[in-house]
C-alpha atoms as a PDB file:
ATOM      1  CA  UNK A   1     134.920  23.065 219.657  1.00  0.00           C
ATOM      2  CA  UNK A   2     138.111  21.073 219.009  1.00  0.00           C
ATOM      3  CA  UNK A   3     139.109  17.919 220.825  1.00  0.00           C
ATOM      4  CA  UNK A   4     142.140  17.379 218.589  1.00  0.00           C
ATOM      5  CA  UNK A   5     144.445  19.128 216.154  1.00  0.00           C
ATOM      6  CA  UNK A   6     142.443  20.997 213.516  1.00  0.00           C
ATOM      7  CA  UNK A   7     144.281  19.224 210.701  1.00  0.00           C
ATOM      8  CA  UNK A   8     142.129  16.583 209.026  1.00  0.00           C
ATOM      9  CA  UNK A   9     142.669  13.109 210.476  1.00  0.00           C
ATOM     10  CA  UNK A  10     145.126  14.156 213.185  1.00  0.00           C
ATOM     11  CA  UNK A  11     144.349  12.783 216.645  1.00  0.00           C
ATOM     12  CA  UNK A  12     146.816  14.815 218.723  1.00  0.00           C
ATOM     13  CA  UNK A  13     144.743  16.127 221.618  1.00  0.00           C
ATOM     14  CA  UNK A  14     143.911  19.816 221.907  1.00  0.00           C
ATOM     15  CA  UNK A  15     146.024  20.282 225.040  1.00  0.00           C
ATOM     16  CA  UNK A  16     149.128  19.275 223.055  1.00  0.00           C
ATOM     17  CA  UNK A  17     148.463  21.763 220.223  1.00  0.00           C
ATOM     18  CA  UNK A  18     149.584  25.296 219.460  1.00  0.00           C
ATOM     19  CA  UNK A  19     147.007  27.910 218.533  1.00  0.00           C
ATOM     20  CA  UNK A  20     147.595  28.953 214.931  1.00  0.00           C
ATOM     21  CA  UNK A  21     146.531  32.261 213.365  1.00  0.00           C
ATOM     22  CA  UNK A  22     145.028  31.265 209.996  1.00  0.00           C
ATOM     23  CA  UNK A  23     145.717  34.788 208.737  1.00  0.00           C
ATOM     24  CA  UNK A  24     149.097  35.509 210.285  1.00  0.00           C
ATOM     25  CA  UNK A  25     149.214  38.008 213.116  1.00  0.00           C
ATOM     26  CA  UNK A  26     152.021  39.875 211.334  1.00  0.00           C
ATOM     27  CA  UNK A  27     149.669  40.304 208.357  1.00  0.00           C
ATOM     28  CA  UNK A  28     147.002  41.813 210.616  1.00  0.00           C
ATOM     29  CA  UNK A  29     145.260  38.519 211.370  1.00  0.00           C
ATOM     30  CA  UNK A  30     143.041  38.916 214.407  1.00  0.00           C
ATOM     31  CA  UNK A  31     143.442  36.968 217.610  1.00  0.00           C
ATOM     32  CA  UNK A  32     139.851  35.810 217.894  1.00  0.00           C
ATOM     33  CA  UNK A  33     138.080  32.487 217.356  1.00  0.00           C
ATOM     34  CA  UNK A  34     137.256  33.265 213.726  1.00  0.00           C
ATOM     35  CA  UNK A  35     140.972  33.245 212.902  1.00  0.00           C
ATOM     36  CA  UNK A  36     142.372  30.638 215.306  1.00  0.00           C
ATOM     37  CA  UNK A  37     142.863  26.907 214.869  1.00  0.00           C
ATOM     38  CA  UNK A  38     144.624  24.347 217.089  1.00  0.00           C
ATOM     39  CA  UNK A  39     147.497  22.611 215.299  1.00  0.00           C
ATOM     40  CA  UNK A  40     149.899  20.020 216.661  1.00  0.00           C
ATOM     41  CA  UNK A  41     153.605  20.748 216.270  1.00  0.00           C
ATOM     42  CA  UNK A  42     153.925  18.621 213.130  1.00  0.00           C
ATOM     43  CA  UNK A  43     151.068  20.306 211.287  1.00  0.00           C
ATOM     44  CA  UNK A  44     151.984  23.768 212.547  1.00  0.00           C
ATOM     45  CA  UNK A  45     155.415  23.262 210.951  1.00  0.00           C
ATOM     46  CA  UNK A  46     153.809  22.064 207.694  1.00  0.00           C
ATOM     47  CA  UNK A  47     152.023  25.411 207.470  1.00  0.00           C
ATOM     48  CA  UNK A  48     154.900  27.658 208.490  1.00  0.00           C
ATOM     49  CA  UNK A  49     157.944  25.888 207.061  1.00  0.00           C
ATOM     50  CA  UNK A  50     156.348  23.443 204.614  1.00  0.00           C
ATOM     51  CA  UNK A  51     154.279  26.058 202.739  1.00  0.00           C
ATOM     52  CA  UNK A  52     150.957  24.224 203.208  1.00  0.00           C
ATOM     53  CA  UNK A  53     148.050  26.700 203.198  1.00  0.00           C
ATOM     54  CA  UNK A  54     144.933  26.728 205.338  1.00  0.00           C
ATOM     55  CA  UNK A  55     141.703  28.646 204.834  1.00  0.00           C
ATOM     56  CA  UNK A  56     138.934  28.705 207.421  1.00  0.00           C
ATOM     57  CA  UNK A  57     135.453  30.025 206.659  1.00  0.00           C
ATOM     58  CA  UNK A  58     132.869  31.476 209.064  1.00  0.00           C
ATOM     59  CA  UNK A  59     131.304  28.000 209.548  1.00  0.00           C
ATOM     60  CA  UNK A  60     134.674  26.485 210.587  1.00  0.00           C
ATOM     61  CA  UNK A  61     135.018  24.639 207.275  1.00  0.00           C
ATOM     62  CA  UNK A  62     138.703  24.246 206.563  1.00  0.00           C
ATOM     63  CA  UNK A  63     140.420  23.947 203.199  1.00  0.00           C
ATOM     64  CA  UNK A  64     143.986  22.652 203.177  1.00  0.00           C
ATOM     65  CA  UNK A  65     146.222  23.064 200.122  1.00  0.00           C
ATOM     66  CA  UNK A  66     149.542  21.353 199.509  1.00  0.00           C
ATOM     67  CA  UNK A  67     152.584  23.466 198.560  1.00  0.00           C
ATOM     68  CA  UNK A  68     151.927  22.752 194.853  1.00  0.00           C
ATOM     69  CA  UNK A  69     148.436  24.290 195.194  1.00  0.00           C
ATOM     70  CA  UNK A  70     146.414  21.071 194.979  1.00  0.00           C
ATOM     71  CA  UNK A  71     143.600  20.726 197.489  1.00  0.00           C
ATOM     72  CA  UNK A  72     144.329  18.160 200.196  1.00  0.00           C
ATOM     73  CA  UNK A  73     141.146  18.490 202.282  1.00  0.00           C
ATOM     74  CA  UNK A  74     137.924  20.482 202.459  1.00  0.00           C
ATOM     75  CA  UNK A  75     135.470  19.958 205.317  1.00  0.00           C
ATOM     76  CA  UNK A  76     134.957  20.331 209.025  1.00  0.00           C
ATOM     77  CA  UNK A  77     137.457  19.310 211.652  1.00  0.00           C
ATOM     78  CA  UNK A  78     135.508  20.341 214.761  1.00  0.00           C
ATOM     79  CA  UNK A  79     134.174  18.042 217.481  1.00  0.00           C
ATOM     80  CA  UNK A  80     136.183  15.011 216.400  1.00  0.00           C
ATOM     81  CA  UNK A  81     137.231  12.540 219.034  1.00  0.00           C
ATOM     82  CA  UNK A  82     139.747   9.728 219.270  1.00  0.00           C
ATOM     83  CA  UNK A  83     136.883   7.384 220.233  1.00  0.00           C
ATOM     84  CA  UNK A  84     135.030   8.063 216.953  1.00  0.00           C
ATOM     85  CA  UNK A  85     138.188   7.447 214.953  1.00  0.00           C
ATOM     86  CA  UNK A  86     138.932   4.243 216.882  1.00  0.00           C
ATOM     87  CA  UNK A  87     135.459   2.811 216.285  1.00  0.00           C
ATOM     88  CA  UNK A  88     135.762   3.429 212.550  1.00  0.00           C
ATOM     89  CA  UNK A  89     138.813   1.142 212.280  1.00  0.00           C
ATOM     90  CA  UNK A  90     138.506  -2.514 211.458  1.00  0.00           C
ATOM     91  CA  UNK A  91     139.739  -4.935 214.165  1.00  0.00           C
ATOM     92  CA  UNK A  92     143.035  -5.487 212.340  1.00  0.00           C
ATOM     93  CA  UNK A  93     143.756  -1.769 212.051  1.00  0.00           C
ATOM     94  CA  UNK A  94     145.396  -0.202 215.088  1.00  0.00           C
ATOM     95  CA  UNK A  95     147.271   3.009 215.491  1.00  0.00           C
ATOM     96  CA  UNK A  96     151.045   2.477 215.504  1.00  0.00           C
ATOM     97  CA  UNK A  97     152.142   1.638 219.027  1.00  0.00           C
ATOM     98  CA  UNK A  98     148.584   0.861 220.149  1.00  0.00           C
ATOM     99  CA  UNK A  99     148.136  -1.928 222.646  1.00  0.00           C
ATOM    100  CA  UNK A 100     146.340  -5.156 221.827  1.00  0.00           C
ATOM    101  CA  UNK A 101     142.572  -5.321 222.496  1.00  0.00           C
ATOM    102  CA  UNK A 102     141.802  -5.600 226.181  1.00  0.00           C
ATOM    103  CA  UNK A 103     144.619  -3.244 227.139  1.00  0.00           C
ATOM    104  CA  UNK A 104     143.082   0.032 225.963  1.00  0.00           C
ATOM    105  CA  UNK A 105     143.764   3.190 227.897  1.00  0.00           C
ATOM    106  CA  UNK A 106     140.792   5.304 228.854  1.00  0.00           C
ATOM    107  CA  UNK A 107     140.067   7.500 225.822  1.00  0.00           C
ATOM    108  CA  UNK A 108     139.359  11.117 226.558  1.00  0.00           C
ATOM    109  CA  UNK A 109     141.206  11.172 229.876  1.00  0.00           C
ATOM    110  CA  UNK A 110     143.032  14.441 230.396  1.00  0.00           C
ATOM    111  CA  UNK A 111     146.611  14.128 231.498  1.00  0.00           C
ATOM    112  CA  UNK A 112     148.110  17.018 233.367  1.00  0.00           C
ATOM    113  CA  UNK A 113     151.537  17.800 234.698  1.00  0.00           C
ATOM    114  CA  UNK A 114     152.280  19.620 237.915  1.00  0.00           C
ATOM    115  CA  UNK A 115     149.986  20.306 240.846  1.00  0.00           C
ATOM    116  CA  UNK A 116     146.196  20.291 240.297  1.00  0.00           C
END
């Protein structure tokens, strides 16, 4: 369902994310797919310490509000991939730290640590 962080535009891969309870567990939020969203460390901290708010509907449409209450994003964040984001960039736009064309790493490769 998610290849990356559930925050709009974030390309941190799912395996590097925390699972966030949209309705907090302490406030009786359930631990099931309807209430869970992968968030990278940066965006998880925005929600918990930065007072950003997330709402997730039954169709996995997310609404993100800034601390001042203004809407930052409304839409889907499922099934995104780094490849789709990379192909939408113009040739002069590269992610910070990205290698020059011809030196691309294999996109979508899963990196693991420890024994298989």
